[in-house]
N, C-alpha and C. Protein backbone atom coordinates (compact mmCIF):
# COMPACT_ATOMS: atom_id res chain seq x y z
N UNK A 1 21.01 -54.04 -18.43
CA UNK A 1 21.84 -55.34 -18.76
C UNK A 1 23.14 -55.06 -18.60
N UNK A 2 23.43 -54.03 -18.64
CA UNK A 2 25.10 -53.47 -18.11
C UNK A 2 25.34 -53.67 -16.86
N UNK A 3 24.11 -53.28 -15.95
CA UNK A 3 24.15 -53.55 -14.73
C UNK A 3 24.18 -55.14 -13.98
N UNK A 4 23.73 -55.79 -15.00
CA UNK A 4 23.71 -57.54 -14.74
C UNK A 4 24.83 -57.67 -15.10
N UNK A 5 25.60 -57.63 -15.84
CA UNK A 5 27.05 -57.92 -16.43
C UNK A 5 27.79 -57.55 -15.53
N UNK A 6 27.66 -56.25 -14.96
CA UNK A 6 28.51 -55.84 -14.37
C UNK A 6 28.39 -56.70 -12.75
N UNK A 7 27.45 -56.88 -12.09
CA UNK A 7 27.28 -57.77 -11.13
C UNK A 7 27.52 -59.17 -11.06
N UNK A 8 27.36 -59.79 -12.34
CA UNK A 8 28.27 -61.24 -12.74
C UNK A 8 29.37 -60.67 -12.61
N UNK A 9 30.18 -59.91 -13.03
CA UNK A 9 31.74 -59.67 -13.09
C UNK A 9 32.30 -59.47 -11.78
N UNK A 10 31.40 -58.57 -11.25
CA UNK A 10 31.90 -59.13 -9.40
C UNK A 10 31.70 -59.94 -8.85
N UNK A 11 30.18 -61.26 -9.19
CA UNK A 11 30.16 -62.43 -8.31
C UNK A 11 31.46 -62.92 -9.13
N UNK A 12 31.70 -62.97 -10.06
CA UNK A 12 32.79 -63.86 -10.85
C UNK A 12 34.14 -63.85 -10.16
N UNK A 13 34.24 -62.32 -10.10
CA UNK A 13 35.67 -62.29 -9.77
C UNK A 13 35.99 -62.18 -8.12
N UNK A 14 35.08 -61.61 -7.15
CA UNK A 14 35.29 -61.95 -5.90
C UNK A 14 34.57 -63.03 -4.92
N UNK A 15 33.83 -63.81 -5.62
CA UNK A 15 33.51 -65.06 -4.93
C UNK A 15 33.14 -66.26 -6.28
N UNK A 16 34.46 -66.61 -6.85
CA UNK A 16 34.51 -67.37 -7.79
C UNK A 16 34.72 -69.14 -7.20
N UNK A 17 34.72 -69.57 -6.08
CA UNK A 17 34.43 -70.57 -5.65
C UNK A 17 32.85 -70.92 -5.44
N UNK A 18 31.79 -69.84 -5.00
CA UNK A 18 30.99 -69.67 -4.66
C UNK A 18 30.18 -69.90 -6.02
N UNK A 19 30.65 -69.15 -7.15
CA UNK A 19 29.69 -69.22 -8.36
C UNK A 19 29.87 -70.55 -9.02
N UNK A 20 31.36 -71.05 -9.24
CA UNK A 20 31.63 -72.43 -9.25
C UNK A 20 30.55 -73.56 -8.84
N UNK A 21 30.57 -73.41 -7.25
CA UNK A 21 29.82 -74.61 -6.65
C UNK A 21 28.10 -74.40 -7.00
N UNK A 22 27.73 -73.52 -6.82
CA UNK A 22 26.27 -72.89 -7.13
C UNK A 22 25.66 -73.07 -8.23
N UNK A 23 26.20 -72.66 -9.37
CA UNK A 23 25.73 -72.46 -10.80
C UNK A 23 25.71 -73.82 -11.19
N UNK A 24 24.56 -74.45 -11.59
CA UNK A 24 24.10 -75.75 -12.24
C UNK A 24 24.82 -75.71 -13.48
N UNK A 25 25.72 -77.13 -13.81
CA UNK A 25 26.46 -77.59 -15.07
C UNK A 25 27.62 -77.43 -14.86
N UNK A 26 28.22 -75.88 -14.28
CA UNK A 26 29.59 -75.62 -14.49
C UNK A 26 30.63 -76.62 -13.94
N UNK A 27 30.72 -77.34 -12.97
CA UNK A 27 31.32 -78.54 -11.99
C UNK A 27 31.39 -79.25 -13.19
N UNK A 28 30.35 -79.77 -13.95
CA UNK A 28 30.79 -80.57 -14.93
C UNK A 28 31.49 -80.16 -16.05
N UNK A 29 31.84 -78.99 -16.35
CA UNK A 29 32.61 -78.79 -17.45
C UNK A 29 33.96 -78.79 -16.92
N UNK A 30 34.38 -78.97 -15.90
CA UNK A 30 35.87 -79.31 -15.20
C UNK A 30 35.83 -78.88 -14.18
N UNK A 31 37.37 -78.81 -13.95
CA UNK A 31 37.92 -78.69 -12.50
C UNK A 31 37.73 -77.16 -12.00
N UNK A 32 37.70 -76.63 -11.04
CA UNK A 32 37.94 -75.15 -10.71
C UNK A 32 38.93 -74.93 -11.34
N UNK A 33 39.16 -73.65 -12.01
CA UNK A 33 40.12 -72.76 -12.52
C UNK A 33 39.91 -71.24 -12.32
N UNK A 34 40.72 -71.19 -11.58
CA UNK A 34 40.72 -69.36 -10.94
C UNK A 34 40.79 -68.65 -12.08
N UNK A 35 42.20 -68.93 -12.69
CA UNK A 35 42.23 -68.16 -14.05
C UNK A 35 41.51 -67.96 -14.85
N UNK A 36 40.51 -69.05 -15.43
CA UNK A 36 39.37 -68.90 -16.47
C UNK A 36 38.31 -68.25 -16.00
N UNK A 37 37.85 -68.32 -14.54
CA UNK A 37 37.13 -67.72 -13.80
C UNK A 37 37.12 -66.30 -14.29
N UNK A 38 38.20 -65.87 -14.14
CA UNK A 38 38.64 -64.49 -13.51
C UNK A 38 38.68 -63.70 -15.20
N UNK A 39 38.88 -64.72 -16.01
CA UNK A 39 39.01 -64.56 -17.68
C UNK A 39 37.70 -63.61 -17.95
N UNK A 40 36.90 -64.77 -17.72
CA UNK A 40 35.21 -64.50 -17.42
C UNK A 40 34.84 -63.49 -17.06
N UNK A 41 35.11 -63.17 -15.97
CA UNK A 41 34.79 -62.16 -15.15
C UNK A 41 35.04 -60.64 -16.08
N UNK A 42 36.26 -60.52 -16.54
CA UNK A 42 36.92 -59.53 -17.24
C UNK A 42 36.14 -59.38 -18.90
N UNK A 43 35.48 -60.47 -19.31
CA UNK A 43 35.01 -60.28 -20.42
C UNK A 43 33.52 -59.53 -20.10
N UNK A 44 32.87 -60.06 -18.85
CA UNK A 44 31.39 -59.91 -18.49
C UNK A 44 32.03 -58.08 -18.35
N UNK A 45 32.76 -57.82 -17.44
CA UNK A 45 33.36 -56.66 -17.24
C UNK A 45 33.14 -55.42 -18.48
N UNK A 46 34.00 -56.00 -19.42
CA UNK A 46 34.19 -54.90 -20.84
C UNK A 46 33.15 -55.08 -21.32
N UNK A 47 31.97 -56.32 -21.14
CA UNK A 47 30.64 -56.01 -21.85
C UNK A 47 29.89 -55.20 -21.27
N UNK A 48 29.80 -54.97 -19.80
CA UNK A 48 28.89 -53.83 -19.34
C UNK A 48 29.49 -52.77 -19.64
N UNK A 49 30.64 -52.50 -19.43
CA UNK A 49 31.12 -51.03 -19.64
C UNK A 49 30.82 -50.56 -21.23
N UNK A 50 30.93 -51.63 -22.07
CA UNK A 50 30.43 -50.89 -23.72
C UNK A 50 29.09 -51.10 -23.66
N UNK A 51 27.96 -51.96 -22.98
CA UNK A 51 26.84 -51.59 -22.76
C UNK A 51 26.46 -50.14 -21.97
N UNK A 52 26.79 -50.15 -20.98
CA UNK A 52 26.83 -48.95 -20.28
C UNK A 52 27.27 -47.57 -21.04
N UNK A 53 28.34 -47.53 -21.60
CA UNK A 53 28.57 -46.64 -22.40
C UNK A 53 27.81 -46.20 -23.50
N UNK A 54 26.98 -47.27 -24.40
CA UNK A 54 26.57 -47.17 -25.40
C UNK A 54 25.11 -46.78 -24.86
N UNK A 55 24.48 -47.00 -24.03
CA UNK A 55 23.25 -46.70 -23.15
C UNK A 55 23.25 -45.20 -22.81
N UNK A 56 24.50 -44.55 -22.48
CA UNK A 56 24.17 -43.55 -21.79
C UNK A 56 24.84 -42.54 -23.00
N UNK A 57 25.59 -42.81 -23.85
CA UNK A 57 25.70 -41.86 -25.36
C UNK A 57 24.46 -42.22 -26.13
N UNK A 58 23.90 -43.43 -26.33
CA UNK A 58 23.11 -43.70 -27.06
C UNK A 58 23.66 -44.21 -28.49
N UNK A 59 24.81 -44.89 -28.15
CA UNK A 59 25.96 -45.32 -29.28
C UNK A 59 25.39 -46.45 -29.62
N UNK A 60 24.88 -47.09 -30.69
CA UNK A 60 24.43 -48.29 -31.40
C UNK A 60 25.92 -49.07 -31.36
N UNK A 61 26.83 -48.51 -31.80
CA UNK A 61 28.50 -49.37 -31.91
C UNK A 61 28.55 -50.07 -30.70
N UNK A 62 28.65 -48.91 -29.50
CA UNK A 62 29.14 -49.31 -28.64
C UNK A 62 28.44 -50.54 -27.66
N UNK A 63 26.91 -50.47 -28.23
CA UNK A 63 26.40 -51.41 -27.14
C UNK A 63 25.99 -52.70 -28.12
N UNK A 64 26.10 -52.64 -29.23
CA UNK A 64 25.89 -53.87 -29.94
C UNK A 64 27.54 -54.48 -29.49
N UNK A 65 28.57 -53.57 -29.58
CA UNK A 65 30.02 -54.54 -29.14
C UNK A 65 29.53 -55.19 -27.61
N UNK A 66 29.14 -54.48 -26.68
CA UNK A 66 29.00 -54.63 -25.50
C UNK A 66 27.65 -55.88 -25.41
N UNK A 67 26.98 -56.01 -26.09
CA UNK A 67 26.33 -57.13 -26.63
C UNK A 67 26.91 -58.64 -27.00
N UNK A 68 28.11 -58.42 -27.98
CA UNK A 68 28.56 -59.33 -28.43
C UNK A 68 29.26 -60.46 -27.67
N UNK A 69 29.70 -60.19 -26.64
CA UNK A 69 30.05 -61.22 -25.63
C UNK A 69 29.30 -62.45 -25.24
N UNK A 70 28.20 -61.38 -24.67
CA UNK A 70 27.32 -62.32 -24.24
C UNK A 70 26.17 -63.39 -25.30
N UNK A 71 26.41 -62.62 -26.34
CA UNK A 71 25.64 -63.29 -27.47
C UNK A 71 26.73 -64.42 -28.00
N UNK A 72 27.93 -64.37 -28.10
CA UNK A 72 28.78 -65.33 -28.71
C UNK A 72 28.64 -66.68 -27.74
N UNK A 73 28.56 -66.25 -26.17
CA UNK A 73 28.81 -67.04 -25.25
C UNK A 73 27.35 -67.61 -25.05
N UNK A 74 26.48 -67.13 -25.24
CA UNK A 74 25.00 -67.85 -25.49
C UNK A 74 24.90 -68.78 -26.58
N UNK A 75 25.59 -68.59 -27.59
CA UNK A 75 25.65 -69.21 -29.06
C UNK A 75 26.51 -70.67 -28.43
N UNK A 76 27.71 -70.69 -27.86
CA UNK A 76 28.48 -71.62 -27.35
C UNK A 76 27.52 -72.50 -26.40
N UNK A 77 26.73 -72.15 -25.52
CA UNK A 77 25.80 -72.87 -24.70
C UNK A 77 24.71 -73.74 -25.25
N UNK A 78 24.10 -72.99 -26.19
CA UNK A 78 23.44 -73.75 -27.31
C UNK A 78 24.15 -75.22 -27.90
N UNK A 79 25.46 -74.81 -28.44
CA UNK A 79 26.27 -76.08 -28.86
C UNK A 79 26.54 -76.84 -27.67
N UNK A 80 26.60 -76.50 -26.50
CA UNK A 80 26.96 -77.44 -25.44
C UNK A 80 25.26 -78.23 -25.18
N UNK A 81 24.46 -77.57 -24.91
CA UNK A 81 22.91 -78.29 -24.85
C UNK A 81 22.83 -78.95 -25.67
N UNK A 82 23.44 -79.20 -26.96
CA UNK A 82 22.91 -79.74 -28.06
C UNK A 82 23.59 -81.18 -27.96
N UNK A 83 25.07 -80.93 -27.80
CA UNK A 83 25.74 -81.56 -27.04
C UNK A 83 25.47 -82.85 -25.74
N UNK A 84 24.67 -82.24 -25.25
CA UNK A 84 24.49 -82.90 -24.19
C UNK A 84 22.78 -83.62 -24.35
N UNK A 85 22.37 -83.45 -25.38
CA UNK A 85 21.41 -84.04 -25.94
C UNK A 85 20.11 -83.63 -26.10
N UNK A 86 20.00 -81.94 -25.60
CA UNK A 86 19.11 -81.18 -25.63
C UNK A 86 17.92 -81.75 -24.62
N UNK A 87 18.59 -81.92 -23.23
CA UNK A 87 17.58 -82.15 -22.40
C UNK A 87 16.80 -80.89 -21.46
N UNK A 88 15.43 -81.02 -20.71
CA UNK A 88 15.24 -79.79 -20.39
C UNK A 88 15.17 -80.20 -18.79
N UNK A 89 16.16 -79.77 -18.09
CA UNK A 89 16.60 -80.14 -17.04
C UNK A 89 17.11 -78.48 -16.50
N UNK A 90 17.45 -78.72 -15.19
CA UNK A 90 18.03 -77.45 -13.95
C UNK A 90 19.05 -76.71 -15.26
N UNK A 91 19.78 -77.19 -15.97
CA UNK A 91 20.81 -76.82 -16.15
C UNK A 91 20.36 -75.73 -17.63
N UNK A 92 19.44 -76.89 -18.26
CA UNK A 92 19.27 -75.93 -19.38
C UNK A 92 18.11 -74.53 -19.12
N UNK A 93 17.56 -74.76 -17.65
CA UNK A 93 16.78 -73.57 -17.40
C UNK A 93 17.48 -72.79 -16.84
N UNK A 94 18.99 -72.83 -16.44
CA UNK A 94 19.51 -71.72 -15.95
C UNK A 94 20.38 -70.83 -17.17
N UNK A 95 20.68 -72.02 -18.04
CA UNK A 95 20.93 -71.54 -19.33
C UNK A 95 20.26 -70.78 -19.80
N UNK A 96 18.85 -71.13 -20.06
CA UNK A 96 17.66 -69.83 -20.90
C UNK A 96 17.68 -68.96 -20.00
N UNK A 97 17.54 -68.61 -18.48
CA UNK A 97 16.88 -67.62 -17.93
C UNK A 97 18.55 -66.78 -17.40
N UNK A 98 19.76 -67.50 -17.30
CA UNK A 98 21.13 -66.25 -16.93
C UNK A 98 21.76 -66.22 -18.32
N UNK A 99 21.62 -66.96 -19.26
CA UNK A 99 22.58 -66.68 -20.56
C UNK A 99 21.81 -66.28 -21.82
N UNK A 100 21.05 -67.26 -22.01
CA UNK A 100 19.99 -66.80 -23.48
C UNK A 100 19.41 -65.71 -23.37
N UNK A 101 18.45 -65.53 -22.15
CA UNK A 101 17.53 -63.92 -22.44
C UNK A 101 18.27 -62.73 -22.03
N UNK A 102 19.63 -62.64 -20.99
CA UNK A 102 20.06 -61.88 -20.72
C UNK A 102 20.82 -61.37 -22.38
N UNK A 103 21.58 -62.24 -23.10
CA UNK A 103 22.27 -62.07 -24.42
C UNK A 103 21.61 -61.37 -25.35
N UNK A 104 20.47 -61.77 -25.70
CA UNK A 104 19.67 -61.77 -26.55
C UNK A 104 18.88 -60.26 -26.29
N UNK A 105 18.74 -60.06 -24.89
CA UNK A 105 17.77 -58.86 -25.01
C UNK A 105 18.63 -57.86 -24.65
N UNK A 106 19.94 -57.69 -24.48
CA UNK A 106 21.22 -57.29 -24.72
C UNK A 106 21.19 -56.83 -26.31
N UNK A 107 21.58 -57.52 -27.05
CA UNK A 107 21.32 -57.28 -28.38
C UNK A 107 20.27 -56.28 -29.04
N UNK A 108 19.12 -57.10 -28.62
CA UNK A 108 17.72 -56.16 -29.06
C UNK A 108 17.65 -54.89 -28.60
N UNK A 109 17.92 -54.76 -27.20
CA UNK A 109 18.22 -53.48 -26.43
C UNK A 109 19.06 -52.28 -27.30
N UNK A 110 19.91 -52.63 -27.66
CA UNK A 110 21.20 -52.43 -28.53
C UNK A 110 20.89 -52.07 -29.96
N UNK A 111 19.88 -52.56 -30.03
CA UNK A 111 19.89 -52.32 -31.92
C UNK A 111 18.72 -51.40 -31.42
N UNK A 112 18.01 -51.12 -30.75
CA UNK A 112 17.26 -49.92 -30.54
C UNK A 112 17.56 -48.73 -31.01
N UNK A 113 19.03 -48.60 -30.24
CA UNK A 113 19.65 -46.90 -30.66
C UNK A 113 19.62 -46.70 -31.80
N UNK A 114 19.98 -47.55 -33.09
CA UNK A 114 19.79 -47.39 -34.38
C UNK A 114 18.53 -46.92 -34.88
N UNK A 115 17.49 -47.78 -34.54
CA UNK A 115 15.98 -47.25 -34.93
C UNK A 115 15.69 -46.13 -34.11
N UNK A 116 15.83 -45.50 -33.37
CA UNK A 116 15.85 -44.35 -32.43
C UNK A 116 16.47 -43.33 -33.15
N UNK A 117 17.88 -43.39 -33.94
CA UNK A 117 18.71 -42.53 -34.54
C UNK A 117 17.61 -42.36 -35.64
N UNK A 118 17.48 -43.16 -36.45
CA UNK A 118 16.74 -43.54 -38.02
C UNK A 118 15.35 -42.42 -37.45
N UNK A 119 14.60 -42.71 -36.47
CA UNK A 119 13.37 -41.86 -36.59
C UNK A 119 13.51 -40.19 -35.88
N UNK A 120 14.76 -39.86 -35.69
CA UNK A 120 15.12 -38.56 -35.53
C UNK A 120 15.08 -37.50 -36.95
């Protein structure tokens, strides 16, 4: 998950126009805003760093911290989806595969470090 978030951070930072134009649903949220996109890239970079550190050190606190941004982002997208009337369309599929699954899998993986410590 750390590598995925690092890759997304790089994509957002180095190819913001491509991300804006190719990601379903992004353009409907408003005009292209380089500052905002790079802010999101930095949030994903921080998440990748914390998830990576947590995995390397088996540190549940760092790993959960790294999963926090993607999970909050996922919750926000659920709110947006309800605001759109809960459609099952391409945007919802991209949301599920690209936002929801990675976020919640990152949190589940992060919490595994705690259960491994308890088993020792």
